[in-house]
C-alpha atoms as a PDB file:
ATOM      1  CA  UNK A   1     305.146 226.130  30.444  1.00  0.00           C
ATOM      2  CA  UNK A   2     303.449 226.450  27.650  1.00  0.00           C
ATOM      3  CA  UNK A   3     299.117 228.334  27.457  1.00  0.00           C
ATOM      4  CA  UNK A   4     297.315 225.179  27.520  1.00  0.00           C
ATOM      5  CA  UNK A   5     299.257 223.975  30.958  1.00  0.00           C
ATOM      6  CA  UNK A   6     299.156 227.460  32.389  1.00  0.00           C
ATOM      7  CA  UNK A   7     295.198 226.991  31.464  1.00  0.00           C
ATOM      8  CA  UNK A   8     294.424 223.624  33.123  1.00  0.00           C
ATOM      9  CA  UNK A   9     297.008 224.589  35.909  1.00  0.00           C
ATOM     10  CA  UNK A  10     293.626 227.937  36.265  1.00  0.00           C
ATOM     11  CA  UNK A  11     291.368 225.242  35.755  1.00  0.00           C
ATOM     12  CA  UNK A  12     292.807 223.388  38.663  1.00  0.00           C
ATOM     13  CA  UNK A  13     292.908 226.444  40.954  1.00  0.00           C
ATOM     14  CA  UNK A  14     289.472 227.456  39.945  1.00  0.00           C
ATOM     15  CA  UNK A  15     288.036 224.034  41.119  1.00  0.00           C
ATOM     16  CA  UNK A  16     290.025 223.816  44.821  1.00  0.00           C
ATOM     17  CA  UNK A  17     288.204 227.548  45.182  1.00  0.00           C
ATOM     18  CA  UNK A  18     285.060 226.782  44.446  1.00  0.00           C
ATOM     19  CA  UNK A  19     282.782 226.696  47.379  1.00  0.00           C
ATOM     20  CA  UNK A  20     279.103 226.664  46.550  1.00  0.00           C
ATOM     21  CA  UNK A  21     278.634 225.980  50.460  1.00  0.00           C
ATOM     22  CA  UNK A  22     280.210 229.747  51.863  1.00  0.00           C
ATOM     23  CA  UNK A  23     277.601 231.407  49.083  1.00  0.00           C
ATOM     24  CA  UNK A  24     275.041 229.646  50.920  1.00  0.00           C
ATOM     25  CA  UNK A  25     275.994 230.224  54.846  1.00  0.00           C
ATOM     26  CA  UNK A  26     275.942 234.241  53.397  1.00  0.00           C
ATOM     27  CA  UNK A  27     272.924 233.781  52.061  1.00  0.00           C
ATOM     28  CA  UNK A  28     271.145 232.354  55.227  1.00  0.00           C
ATOM     29  CA  UNK A  29     272.946 234.725  57.408  1.00  0.00           C
ATOM     30  CA  UNK A  30     272.021 237.631  55.274  1.00  0.00           C
ATOM     31  CA  UNK A  31     268.502 237.044  54.673  1.00  0.00           C
ATOM     32  CA  UNK A  32     268.274 235.973  58.833  1.00  0.00           C
ATOM     33  CA  UNK A  33     267.167 232.077  58.184  1.00  0.00           C
ATOM     34  CA  UNK A  34     267.225 228.922  60.395  1.00  0.00           C
ATOM     35  CA  UNK A  35     268.561 226.478  57.632  1.00  0.00           C
ATOM     36  CA  UNK A  36     268.535 225.108  53.542  1.00  0.00           C
ATOM     37  CA  UNK A  37     264.803 224.412  54.496  1.00  0.00           C
ATOM     38  CA  UNK A  38     263.657 228.859  55.441  1.00  0.00           C
ATOM     39  CA  UNK A  39     266.518 229.371  52.270  1.00  0.00           C
ATOM     40  CA  UNK A  40     264.899 227.204  49.337  1.00  0.00           C
ATOM     41  CA  UNK A  41     261.431 228.742  50.599  1.00  0.00           C
ATOM     42  CA  UNK A  42     262.589 231.977  50.255  1.00  0.00           C
ATOM     43  CA  UNK A  43     264.539 230.819  47.133  1.00  0.00           C
ATOM     44  CA  UNK A  44     261.226 229.159  45.555  1.00  0.00           C
ATOM     45  CA  UNK A  45     263.412 226.027  45.230  1.00  0.00           C
ATOM     46  CA  UNK A  46     262.967 222.220  46.080  1.00  0.00           C
ATOM     47  CA  UNK A  47     265.075 221.680  48.938  1.00  0.00           C
ATOM     48  CA  UNK A  48     266.585 219.354  48.104  1.00  0.00           C
ATOM     49  CA  UNK A  49     268.020 221.603  44.994  1.00  0.00           C
ATOM     50  CA  UNK A  50     270.143 222.969  47.940  1.00  0.00           C
ATOM     51  CA  UNK A  51     271.491 219.772  49.294  1.00  0.00           C
ATOM     52  CA  UNK A  52     272.813 218.719  45.959  1.00  0.00           C
ATOM     53  CA  UNK A  53     274.816 222.364  46.093  1.00  0.00           C
ATOM     54  CA  UNK A  54     276.165 221.784  48.842  1.00  0.00           C
ATOM     55  CA  UNK A  55     277.318 218.333  48.386  1.00  0.00           C
ATOM     56  CA  UNK A  56     279.016 219.832  44.843  1.00  0.00           C
ATOM     57  CA  UNK A  57     276.038 217.644  42.626  1.00  0.00           C
ATOM     58  CA  UNK A  58     274.476 220.468  41.373  1.00  0.00           C
ATOM     59  CA  UNK A  59     276.340 224.108  40.527  1.00  0.00           C
ATOM     60  CA  UNK A  60     274.909 227.508  40.966  1.00  0.00           C
ATOM     61  CA  UNK A  61     273.374 227.489  37.845  1.00  0.00           C
ATOM     62  CA  UNK A  62     272.452 231.210  36.301  1.00  0.00           C
ATOM     63  CA  UNK A  63     268.522 231.069  36.933  1.00  0.00           C
ATOM     64  CA  UNK A  64     269.358 230.348  40.835  1.00  0.00           C
ATOM     65  CA  UNK A  65     272.194 232.843  40.557  1.00  0.00           C
ATOM     66  CA  UNK A  66     269.601 235.859  39.627  1.00  0.00           C
ATOM     67  CA  UNK A  67     267.124 234.356  41.821  1.00  0.00           C
ATOM     68  CA  UNK A  68     269.648 234.648  44.994  1.00  0.00           C
ATOM     69  CA  UNK A  69     270.677 238.270  43.428  1.00  0.00           C
ATOM     70  CA  UNK A  70     267.064 239.226  43.487  1.00  0.00           C
ATOM     71  CA  UNK A  71     266.361 238.017  47.066  1.00  0.00           C
ATOM     72  CA  UNK A  72     269.287 238.674  49.037  1.00  0.00           C
ATOM     73  CA  UNK A  73     269.982 242.329  46.376  1.00  0.00           C
ATOM     74  CA  UNK A  74     273.525 240.930  46.462  1.00  0.00           C
ATOM     75  CA  UNK A  75     275.117 242.009  42.895  1.00  0.00           C
ATOM     76  CA  UNK A  76     275.390 238.663  40.322  1.00  0.00           C
ATOM     77  CA  UNK A  77     279.489 239.590  41.110  1.00  0.00           C
ATOM     78  CA  UNK A  78     278.929 239.590  44.890  1.00  0.00           C
ATOM     79  CA  UNK A  79     277.517 236.271  44.634  1.00  0.00           C
ATOM     80  CA  UNK A  80     279.451 234.776  42.389  1.00  0.00           C
ATOM     81  CA  UNK A  81     282.387 235.554  44.409  1.00  0.00           C
ATOM     82  CA  UNK A  82     281.105 234.489  47.493  1.00  0.00           C
ATOM     83  CA  UNK A  83     281.170 231.221  46.346  1.00  0.00           C
ATOM     84  CA  UNK A  84     285.079 231.632  44.978  1.00  0.00           C
ATOM     85  CA  UNK A  85     284.219 231.960  41.036  1.00  0.00           C
ATOM     86  CA  UNK A  86     286.435 234.623  40.029  1.00  0.00           C
ATOM     87  CA  UNK A  87     286.170 234.413  36.429  1.00  0.00           C
ATOM     88  CA  UNK A  88     286.092 237.377  34.223  1.00  0.00           C
ATOM     89  CA  UNK A  89     284.214 236.053  31.540  1.00  0.00           C
ATOM     90  CA  UNK A  90     281.373 232.905  30.747  1.00  0.00           C
ATOM     91  CA  UNK A  91     281.563 230.692  28.194  1.00  0.00           C
ATOM     92  CA  UNK A  92     278.943 228.900  26.157  1.00  0.00           C
ATOM     93  CA  UNK A  93     279.554 225.536  24.314  1.00  0.00           C
ATOM     94  CA  UNK A  94     278.503 225.035  20.959  1.00  0.00           C
ATOM     95  CA  UNK A  95     276.543 222.171  22.132  1.00  0.00           C
ATOM     96  CA  UNK A  96     274.117 224.120  24.044  1.00  0.00           C
ATOM     97  CA  UNK A  97     272.912 224.905  20.870  1.00  0.00           C
ATOM     98  CA  UNK A  98     273.168 222.179  18.555  1.00  0.00           C
ATOM     99  CA  UNK A  99     269.621 220.076  18.184  1.00  0.00           C
ATOM    100  CA  UNK A 100     270.977 215.943  19.271  1.00  0.00           C
ATOM    101  CA  UNK A 101     271.826 213.957  16.401  1.00  0.00           C
ATOM    102  CA  UNK A 102     268.730 212.221  14.863  1.00  0.00           C
ATOM    103  CA  UNK A 103     266.056 215.236  16.190  1.00  0.00           C
ATOM    104  CA  UNK A 104     263.546 216.327  14.110  1.00  0.00           C
ATOM    105  CA  UNK A 105     263.558 220.107  13.658  1.00  0.00           C
ATOM    106  CA  UNK A 106     260.715 221.236  15.642  1.00  0.00           C
ATOM    107  CA  UNK A 107     259.765 217.397  17.206  1.00  0.00           C
ATOM    108  CA  UNK A 108     259.100 216.947  20.584  1.00  0.00           C
ATOM    109  CA  UNK A 109     262.352 215.752  23.255  1.00  0.00           C
ATOM    110  CA  UNK A 110     261.808 211.885  23.634  1.00  0.00           C
ATOM    111  CA  UNK A 111     260.373 210.906  27.325  1.00  0.00           C
ATOM    112  CA  UNK A 112     262.075 208.226  27.589  1.00  0.00           C
ATOM    113  CA  UNK A 113     259.106 206.020  27.853  1.00  0.00           C
ATOM    114  CA  UNK A 114     259.117 202.856  26.259  1.00  0.00           C
ATOM    115  CA  UNK A 115     257.518 202.429  23.139  1.00  0.00           C
ATOM    116  CA  UNK A 116     253.805 200.954  22.730  1.00  0.00           C
END
């Protein structure tokens, strides 16, 4: 097995172990809340955010993870372990910092509306 195969199998294993529901359920229990709606109020996010995380349509982002830490007083590491994220390091893509092709520096982002 070469290095690429090992990295790919680790990625698959990480995906199988990832379970944001465990994290959300643990927060509900720790904070003595009744349901996801109460959790969304405690975290100050819209209820659909919790639903999308539960159905794996939205990842637990850094800002939400920090908010969970502030509200629960659990460490970031503990929160990550609750959802099955066992990575030691995070890698940020170069693409996150590059402007989109054709965008002028300092120009506002397009709104997606139709031209008049």
